[in-house]
Each structure stands twice: as structure tokens, then as C-alpha cells.
Protein backbone atom coordinates (compact mmCIF):
# COMPACT_ATOMS: atom_id res chain seq x y z
CA MET A 1 108.75 85.32 90.63
CA ALA A 2 107.51 81.45 90.18
CA SER A 3 106.11 79.33 92.71
CA PHE A 4 107.16 75.63 92.91
CA GLU A 5 104.81 72.94 94.49
CA GLN A 6 104.89 69.07 94.84
CA SER A 7 101.93 67.35 94.84
CA LYS A 8 101.16 65.62 98.43
CA SER A 9 99.39 62.57 96.11
CA SER A 10 100.88 62.03 93.07
CA LYS A 11 104.49 63.59 94.56
CA LEU A 12 104.58 65.29 90.85
CA TRP A 13 106.06 69.11 90.67
CA SER A 14 104.37 71.72 89.29
CA VAL A 15 105.05 75.82 88.83
CA ARG A 16 102.91 78.71 88.69
CA PHE A 17 103.36 82.30 87.56
CA ARG A 18 101.89 84.94 86.05
CA VAL A 19 102.13 86.29 82.57
CA VAL A 20 100.60 89.63 80.41
CA GLU A 21 98.94 88.72 77.54
CA ASN A 22 97.22 91.37 75.44
CA GLY A 23 97.91 93.79 78.29
CA LYS A 24 95.86 91.71 81.10
CA THR A 25 97.89 89.52 83.50
CA LYS A 26 97.40 85.86 83.66
CA ASN A 27 98.10 82.78 86.11
CA LYS A 28 99.55 80.29 84.23
CA ARG A 29 100.42 76.45 85.64
CA LEU A 30 103.08 73.86 84.26
CA SER A 31 102.40 70.44 86.03
CA GLY A 32 103.50 66.78 85.51
CA PHE A 33 107.47 66.73 86.63
CA LYS A 34 109.19 64.40 88.18
CA THR A 35 111.62 66.77 89.81
CA LYS A 36 111.60 70.58 91.02
CA LYS A 37 114.87 70.49 88.44
CA GLU A 38 112.43 69.65 85.69
CA ALA A 39 109.80 72.11 86.76
CA LEU A 40 112.37 75.07 86.34
CA ALA A 41 113.45 73.37 83.36
CA ALA A 42 110.03 73.83 81.92
CA TYR A 43 109.70 77.31 83.10
CA THR A 44 112.84 78.59 81.85
CA GLU A 45 111.63 77.33 78.74
CA TYR A 46 108.38 78.64 78.20
CA CYS A 47 109.80 82.07 79.63
CA GLN A 48 112.35 81.87 76.76
CA SER A 49 110.20 80.82 74.39
CA GLN A 50 107.22 83.84 75.35
CA LYS A 51 110.08 86.24 75.55
CA ILE A 52 109.44 86.45 78.66
CA GLU A 53 111.52 88.23 81.14
CA GLU A 54 113.21 85.94 83.29
CA LYS A 55 112.53 86.43 86.73
CA ILE A 56 114.85 83.42 88.14
CA LYS A 57 118.52 84.74 88.24
CA GLU A 58 121.38 82.12 88.70
CA GLY A 59 118.61 79.36 87.79
CA SER A 60 116.55 78.85 90.96
CA THR A 61 114.29 80.96 93.00
CA GLU A 62 116.71 79.77 95.99
CA SER A 63 119.91 81.43 94.64
CA VAL A 64 117.63 85.10 94.18
CA LYS A 65 118.91 87.27 97.09
CA PHE A 66 116.45 89.25 98.66
CA GLY A 67 118.52 92.84 97.65
CA TYR A 68 117.07 92.31 93.95
CA LEU A 69 113.58 92.72 95.06
CA ILE A 70 114.86 95.59 97.08
CA ASP A 71 116.93 97.27 94.14
CA LYS A 72 113.11 96.48 91.94
CA PHE A 73 111.12 98.32 94.37
CA MET A 74 113.78 101.36 95.07
CA GLU A 75 113.47 101.96 91.08
CA TYR A 76 109.85 101.80 91.13
CA GLN A 77 109.41 104.02 93.97
CA LYS A 78 111.63 106.46 92.07
CA SER A 79 108.93 107.66 90.08
CA ASN A 80 106.62 107.70 92.20
CA LEU A 81 107.67 109.61 95.41
CA LYS A 82 109.00 113.07 95.67
CA SER A 83 112.82 113.18 95.44
CA THR A 84 112.94 114.48 99.43
CA THR A 85 110.70 111.46 100.37
CA TYR A 86 112.63 109.37 98.57
CA TYR A 87 115.97 110.42 99.62
CA ASP A 88 114.84 109.88 102.98
CA ALA A 89 113.22 106.06 102.35
CA GLU A 90 116.41 105.05 100.46
CA ILE A 91 119.05 106.22 103.13
CA ARG A 92 116.47 104.65 105.82
CA ILE A 93 116.60 101.37 103.71
CA LYS A 94 119.75 100.82 102.92
CA ASN A 95 120.83 101.51 106.40
CA HIS A 96 118.40 98.91 108.26
CA ILE A 97 116.79 96.57 105.47
CA THR A 98 119.29 96.05 102.30
CA SER A 99 122.16 95.96 105.07
CA TYR A 100 120.54 92.63 106.94
CA PHE A 101 118.18 90.95 104.64
CA GLY A 102 120.16 91.79 101.36
CA GLN A 103 122.23 89.00 101.07
CA ILE A 104 119.89 86.55 102.30
CA ASN A 105 117.60 84.01 99.65
CA ILE A 106 114.60 84.81 99.35
CA ASP A 107 113.54 81.26 100.20
CA ASP A 108 115.33 82.00 103.33
CA ILE A 109 113.45 84.90 104.69
CA THR A 110 110.73 83.69 107.20
CA PRO A 111 108.52 85.13 109.91
CA ARG A 112 111.38 84.01 112.21
CA VAL A 113 114.11 85.64 110.18
CA VAL A 114 111.43 88.82 110.19
CA LEU A 115 111.13 88.91 114.12
CA GLU A 116 115.40 87.91 115.00
CA TRP A 117 115.48 91.53 112.39
CA LYS A 118 113.11 93.51 114.98
CA LEU A 119 114.69 91.92 118.23
CA VAL A 120 118.05 93.59 116.45
CA LYS A 121 116.66 96.98 115.63
CA GLU A 122 114.88 96.89 119.59
CA ASN A 123 118.71 96.26 121.04
CA GLU A 124 119.83 99.02 118.89
CA GLY A 125 117.76 101.66 120.57
CA TYR A 126 116.00 103.05 117.96
CA SER A 127 112.44 104.77 118.40
CA PHE A 128 109.05 103.40 117.96
CA GLY A 129 108.38 105.60 115.63
CA PHE A 130 111.64 104.87 113.69
CA ARG A 131 111.14 101.19 114.17
CA GLN A 132 107.47 101.65 113.21
CA LYS A 133 108.69 103.59 109.70
CA ILE A 134 111.71 100.67 108.94
CA LEU A 135 108.96 97.96 109.41
CA GLY A 136 106.88 99.69 107.09
CA ASP A 137 109.28 99.89 104.73
CA LEU A 138 110.07 96.18 104.75
CA LYS A 139 106.26 95.53 104.30
CA ALA A 140 105.98 97.58 101.51
CA ILE A 141 108.45 96.27 99.88
CA LEU A 142 106.91 92.37 100.38
CA LYS A 143 103.78 94.12 99.08
CA PHE A 144 105.18 95.34 96.03
CA ALA A 145 106.98 91.63 95.60
CA GLU A 146 103.46 90.08 95.83
CA THR A 147 102.41 92.52 93.15
CA TYR A 148 104.86 92.29 90.61
CA TYR A 149 106.89 89.36 91.44
CA ASP A 150 104.27 86.33 92.47
CA PHE A 151 106.12 86.58 96.12
CA PRO A 152 104.07 84.40 98.64
CA PRO A 153 101.87 86.99 100.34
CA GLY A 154 101.98 84.46 103.58
CA LEU A 155 105.24 86.41 105.18
CA ARG A 156 103.71 89.89 105.20
CA ALA A 157 100.48 88.51 106.53
CA LYS A 158 102.54 87.08 109.41
CA ILE A 159 104.61 89.92 110.40
CA THR A 160 103.23 90.90 113.92
CA PRO A 161 103.13 94.53 114.97
CA LEU A 162 105.60 96.26 116.70
CA ARG A 163 105.21 96.36 120.52
CA ARG A 164 106.05 99.60 122.16
CA THR A 165 109.09 99.34 124.51
CA GLU A 166 109.44 102.97 125.68
CA ALA A 167 107.14 105.87 127.15
CA LYS A 168 105.59 107.76 124.48
CA ARG A 169 107.66 110.96 123.97
CA GLU A 170 106.38 114.09 125.60
CA MET A 171 105.61 117.16 123.66
CA GLN A 172 107.80 120.11 124.09
CA TYR A 173 106.75 123.42 123.39
CA TRP A 174 107.43 127.11 124.47
CA SER A 175 104.94 129.10 126.83
CA ALA A 176 104.90 132.80 125.21
CA ASP A 177 106.99 133.89 128.53
CA GLU A 178 109.67 131.22 127.63
CA PHE A 179 109.55 132.02 123.90
CA ARG A 180 109.89 136.32 124.63
CA ARG A 181 112.85 135.06 126.59
CA PHE A 182 114.69 133.53 124.01
CA ILE A 183 114.02 135.82 121.80
CA SER A 184 114.93 138.60 123.61
CA VAL A 185 118.77 137.67 123.38
CA ALA A 186 118.19 136.87 119.16
CA ASP A 187 121.32 139.15 118.10
CA LYS A 188 121.09 138.37 114.00
CA ASP A 189 117.68 140.14 112.58
CA GLU A 190 117.42 137.09 110.26
CA TYR A 191 117.16 134.58 112.87
CA ARG A 192 115.06 136.52 115.20
CA LEU A 193 112.86 137.34 112.79
CA LEU A 194 113.04 133.70 111.24
CA PHE A 195 111.94 131.97 115.22
CA THR A 196 109.08 134.68 115.32
CA PHE A 197 108.02 133.83 112.04
CA LEU A 198 108.04 129.94 112.99
CA TYR A 199 106.71 130.57 116.34
CA ILE A 200 103.40 133.17 115.17
CA CYS A 201 102.52 131.07 112.35
CA GLY A 202 102.89 127.35 113.06
CA CYS A 203 104.80 126.77 109.74
CA ARG A 204 107.30 123.80 109.06
CA ILE A 205 110.81 125.13 109.15
CA GLY A 206 111.22 123.66 105.10
CA GLU A 207 108.25 126.01 104.28
CA ALA A 208 109.51 129.55 105.89
CA LEU A 209 112.80 128.86 104.48
CA ALA A 210 111.38 128.43 100.82
CA LEU A 211 109.37 131.59 101.34
CA LYS A 212 109.82 134.56 98.71
CA TRP A 213 109.01 137.97 99.19
CA ALA A 214 106.55 137.73 95.86
CA ASP A 215 104.41 135.49 98.62
CA VAL A 216 103.85 137.80 101.43
CA ASP A 217 101.27 140.39 101.27
CA LEU A 218 102.19 142.75 103.97
CA ASN A 219 99.28 144.76 102.89
CA ASN A 220 96.99 142.45 104.17
CA ASN A 221 99.25 140.52 106.69
CA ILE A 222 99.31 137.29 104.81
CA VAL A 223 101.69 134.79 103.77
CA ASN A 224 101.13 132.38 100.84
CA ILE A 225 102.69 129.07 102.02
CA HIS A 226 103.38 126.84 98.35
CA ALA A 227 106.66 125.41 98.86
CA SER A 228 109.14 123.56 100.88
CA MET A 229 112.69 123.68 100.88
CA SER A 230 115.19 120.39 101.27
CA THR A 231 118.54 120.13 101.62
CA LYS A 232 118.00 116.00 101.47
CA VAL A 233 118.90 115.88 97.61
CA LYS A 234 122.00 114.36 95.86
CA GLY A 235 123.86 116.85 93.61
CA ALA A 236 122.60 120.13 94.98
CA PRO A 237 122.86 122.27 98.12
CA TYR A 238 118.85 122.73 98.48
CA ILE A 239 115.96 122.07 95.96
CA ILE A 240 112.01 123.92 96.40
CA THR A 241 109.70 121.33 96.04
CA SER A 242 105.32 121.15 96.65
CA PRO A 243 104.81 121.08 100.57
CA LYS A 244 104.12 118.16 102.32
CA THR A 245 100.53 117.87 101.19
CA ILE A 246 98.00 119.00 99.46
CA SER A 247 96.38 121.06 102.68
CA SER A 248 99.94 122.52 103.59
CA THR A 249 99.28 124.87 100.48
CA ARG A 250 97.89 127.61 102.35
CA LYS A 251 97.06 131.57 103.31
CA ILE A 252 98.35 132.31 106.84
CA SER A 253 97.28 135.61 108.57
CA ILE A 254 100.14 137.18 110.36
CA THR A 255 100.23 139.67 113.26
CA LYS A 256 100.46 143.55 112.60
CA ARG A 257 103.79 143.61 115.07
CA LEU A 258 105.22 140.55 112.65
CA ALA A 259 104.12 142.45 109.49
CA ASP A 260 105.49 145.26 110.38
CA ASP A 261 108.95 143.28 111.64
CA MET A 262 109.05 142.34 107.92
CA ARG A 263 108.27 145.32 106.39
CA ALA A 264 111.29 146.88 108.27
CA TYR A 265 113.83 144.11 107.61
CA ARG A 266 112.43 144.29 103.71
CA ALA A 267 114.01 147.82 103.38
CA ASN A 268 117.23 147.10 104.14
CA ARG A 269 116.96 144.33 101.81
CA PRO A 270 115.55 145.31 98.81
CA ASN A 271 117.26 142.60 96.65
CA ASP A 272 116.79 139.81 97.84
CA ILE A 273 114.37 136.76 96.82
CA PHE A 274 113.88 134.58 100.26
CA VAL A 275 112.54 136.07 102.95
CA PHE A 276 115.13 134.48 105.16
CA GLY A 277 118.36 134.31 103.39
CA GLY A 278 118.53 136.41 100.31
CA THR A 279 119.40 134.99 96.76
CA ARG A 280 118.93 131.86 98.78
CA PRO A 281 117.34 130.49 101.60
CA LEU A 282 119.42 130.09 105.03
CA SER A 283 120.97 127.26 105.27
CA ASP A 284 119.73 124.56 108.03
CA THR A 285 122.66 124.02 109.43
CA SER A 286 123.39 127.71 110.21
CA VAL A 287 119.39 127.71 111.82
CA SER A 288 120.37 125.18 114.00
CA ARG A 289 123.43 126.45 115.09
CA TYR A 290 121.90 129.28 116.21
CA PHE A 291 118.70 128.16 117.62
CA LYS A 292 120.77 126.01 119.71
CA ARG A 293 123.12 129.19 120.77
CA TYR A 294 120.04 131.59 121.75
CA ILE A 295 118.53 128.34 123.88
CA GLU A 296 122.03 128.16 126.08
CA LYS A 297 121.72 132.09 125.88
CA SER A 298 118.39 132.74 127.16
CA GLY A 299 118.07 129.79 129.78
CA VAL A 300 115.01 128.44 128.18
CA LYS A 301 114.29 124.48 128.35
CA LYS A 302 115.64 122.84 125.09
CA ILE A 303 113.09 121.82 122.68
CA ARG A 304 113.63 121.31 118.77
CA ILE A 305 113.25 123.84 115.88
CA HIS A 306 109.95 121.77 114.71
CA ASP A 307 108.57 122.43 118.63
CA LEU A 308 107.99 125.88 117.57
CA ARG A 309 104.83 124.49 115.43
CA HIS A 310 104.04 122.79 118.41
CA SER A 311 104.14 125.61 121.08
CA CYS A 312 102.29 127.85 118.13
CA ALA A 313 99.25 125.04 118.30
CA SER A 314 99.62 124.72 122.28
CA LEU A 315 99.20 128.70 122.14
CA LEU A 316 95.96 129.12 119.88
CA ILE A 317 94.28 125.86 121.61
CA SER A 318 95.03 127.13 125.27
CA ASN A 319 93.29 131.03 124.08
CA GLY A 320 90.34 128.94 123.00
CA CYS A 321 90.83 128.85 119.39
CA SER A 322 88.66 125.78 117.30
CA ILE A 323 90.64 122.85 117.18
CA VAL A 324 89.41 123.24 113.11
CA ALA A 325 91.04 126.53 112.71
CA VAL A 326 94.40 125.31 114.08
CA SER A 327 94.32 122.41 111.73
CA LYS A 328 93.93 125.24 109.21
CA ARG A 329 96.73 127.12 109.94
CA LEU A 330 99.20 124.09 110.54
CA GLY A 331 98.43 122.73 106.88
CA HIS A 332 97.35 119.73 108.23
CA SER A 333 95.40 117.03 105.78
CA ASP A 334 93.00 115.84 108.25
CA ILE A 335 91.40 117.41 111.48
CA ARG A 336 92.32 113.83 112.99
CA GLU A 337 96.01 114.57 112.86
CA THR A 338 95.32 117.73 115.05
CA LEU A 339 93.11 116.00 117.33
CA ASN A 340 95.52 113.16 117.83
CA THR A 341 98.64 115.58 118.17
CA TYR A 342 96.55 117.82 120.67
CA SER A 343 93.72 116.60 122.11
CA HIS A 344 95.77 116.52 125.34
CA MET A 345 96.37 120.24 125.16
CA MET A 346 91.84 120.95 124.98
CA PRO A 347 90.65 122.50 128.32
CA GLU A 348 88.34 120.05 129.83
CA ASP A 349 84.70 121.05 128.73
CA ASP A 350 82.45 119.13 131.58
CA ASP A 351 81.05 122.71 133.10
CA LYS A 352 80.01 124.01 129.37
CA ILE A 353 78.75 120.56 128.90
CA ILE A 354 76.23 120.43 132.11
CA SER A 355 75.45 124.18 131.59
CA ALA A 356 74.13 123.64 128.32
CA LEU A 357 72.19 120.56 128.90
CA ASP A 358 70.59 122.58 131.83
CA THR A 359 69.05 124.35 129.21
CA VAL A 360 66.48 121.56 128.00
CA PHE A 361 64.80 121.60 131.35
């Protein structure tokens, strides 16, 4: 994207832009024009003579809508993101960024406009985490525009961090007793096994639903996690993709009780492909429906399905398992993620520290 400037001393206009010559990006500057219109005409003529893709629509940067850059950004992201990640970003950006900024001229987007947008999102009641996510989307679009379309970097640099306006959500999880109450009312074998598996293994729901019998070694009580199921895709009821991160590909040891339950369940369904489903995985809507039904029937406190993962971590930490072992079981890419999430659950070790130090003298 071209940048037009007027000299304070000579009052003449110049235009700066980038071109690719022999595979290398170079800065160009045309100067000495009495008006911005003349500078624009010279820039347009240069682009046409060099067969450079025109970045200016309708004759001026002032008439380029921010939606144009958003569209270009999404085209770029489509080839760089997993389909499920792209789908989430596409919906988020369409509903919260394009709907607000799309028809605003690029030259009219200022820090004040961004501030007004942030205030609107706060008043709409979105969580701090979600507002952080859409602000990150906006910054990513601006960074893309700076890198590939010569958008001036000043705007992104002036965007201030979000202010947390609500208390941090307290993590929800079930104790072993609460889980036993919950699972005791599960009257369908496939859901009883699924919810037990999630509590024992600490898997993400997508990882569990993508699990195939070929991934299960019941002789050694091990399951191999290397895929994830998602329904966030256009044109298909579900897709099986790679898991969230490289570290999410892992082997998980399961209890003998769970292995026995899985073996008994398998004996009655020899032709099934997926552990939790059959020839195709269980639908996430059905899973959510039965999860809520069993919560109401058992009377335990309400949590999300994802909180079964937190429940597993809590159980392990409270029983003295190392944070490293918990991190590996959960498939975190960095132990810092595990520490940041679960450090408040770890017992105080002051007495052990003093005892250890006392051995010095």
C-alpha cells in the first residue's frame, strides 16, 4: 500500500511504496509533486508501466475499505491454518471485526476508532478471554497489512492492552466422589465409558471422539492419541484432523478397570471402527445432551465437558503426581502452560523445604 507525504518545507508531495525486483523487496519513492493527486497519478502510472499489482482501489487510499485487507488476510490464513482453526477465526472475524471495521476507509481507522470498538465489545458482555482473542485477530490483520501492503505500523503500536473488567473465572472440577455420583446414573454404555475415559485420561473431547480401536492396546493398557475430531467445518458432518499441538500426540496409560470396561464393551461391538461411536464418532451434540442429563439426575454441580480434563489434573496433583507427569498426560506443549493452569492446586511444601534445608547443618 502506498504512503503519501507532504514536505513541511517545500510543500511538495511524495509517494513511498514497495516493489519486488529480482525476487527482492525494495523501497521506492517518487517525489516533487505539487498535489497529492499528481503523486497518485505518478504512482498509478509507475505501477502500470512495471505491471505491478495495484493496491489502491477506486483511485485513492482514502476509498479503500478495511474489509479489503481483511479479505486478503483471510485468503492468506486459509493456507496457513488447520481447517478447524481457520473456521473459528473466520466466524470470529466476520462477526466482530468485519461487521464493525469492514466498511470504514483505511485512512479513517485511528487508535480512537479502535478504542471505541473495544468499548463496544466490553458493553456487549463478552469475557475477557474472548475479547483478548478478537483483539489479537485485529492486531494480526494489521501486522499482515504492514508486512504485505505497506500499511503504516503506527496504529498497531498504539493499540493498548485490554483491561480485565471481571473476576477471573474459577476453575471448575469434580472430586472423585462427585464423579462417582455422576457416573452412577449413566444408563447408556457408550456415554458411561466415554465420560469415564475423559475423567481418567484427561483427554480433550475431540481427541476421545477421534479415537479408533486400532489406536488402543488393551494388552498393555495404553491408548495412542494422535487425532482429533471436529464438527467445525463446512460441507461435512465432521472431520478427523491432527491434534491441537505436536505434544498432543502421546501415549496414555489407563487403569486396569478402564481397560476391562473397554474390553467388555468391545466384545459386543466387534465391527466398530471408532471407540466412541461405531463406523463414525458420536455427535458432540448428543454427548453434550447426555452429559447435562446425567448432571441433573445425579445432582452434582454443573461443569463443562472440558472440565473433566481439569478434574483429571486436579486428582493427579492432589495425589502427589509431579507437574511434569501431569503435563505429559494432558499433552501440553510447554510445562509452563500446566503450571499457569494448575499451580494453585499444588499443595504447600514449606514444611518439606525446611526439612530439606535442615539437613545442611
